Structure formats: C-alpha cells, structure tokens
C-alpha cells in the first residue's frame, strides 16, 4: 500500500467512534526503514485564521486495529 493511499483514509478511534483526522506524515525507524507511527492532523475549529491551525497526534503502529477501504481504526486514544 502506498503512503498516498493511507493519507486519504479517515482515522477513527474504535472505542468512541470519534474522527481524529487524516494521516499527515509517518515516523520511520532510521535503521530498519519500518514505519513506527503515523502523525495525524486535524484542523482546529476554534480559530481557522491563526497561523498554526493544526494539532498533531502521533499514533503508534501497534495501536492500529484495522486498515479498511475508507478508514483506519485505532485503539486507546480516548
């Protein structure tokens, strides 16, 4: 699967059903080349005109339950 395919999927917390955002970046281990985590960003809804309008969340690969056609379900975030 290509990284661009992952970026189009919604990240959902499995225990609450809450939308967390979309994958913005990946953390890759320098020596092995394996993906260790995804960086998820969701725009803030309070003030869209501020300069830094995104909060990021790092989701370890171990917390991913399933990668579906349209969504990625993750555990332990709520």
Foldseek 3Di string as FASTA:
>chain_A
DDPVQQQQAWEAAVVPRDTDAGFDAFDADPPPRDTFWTKGWDFDPPDNPDPPRIDIDTGGPVQFDDDDNHHTYGYDDD
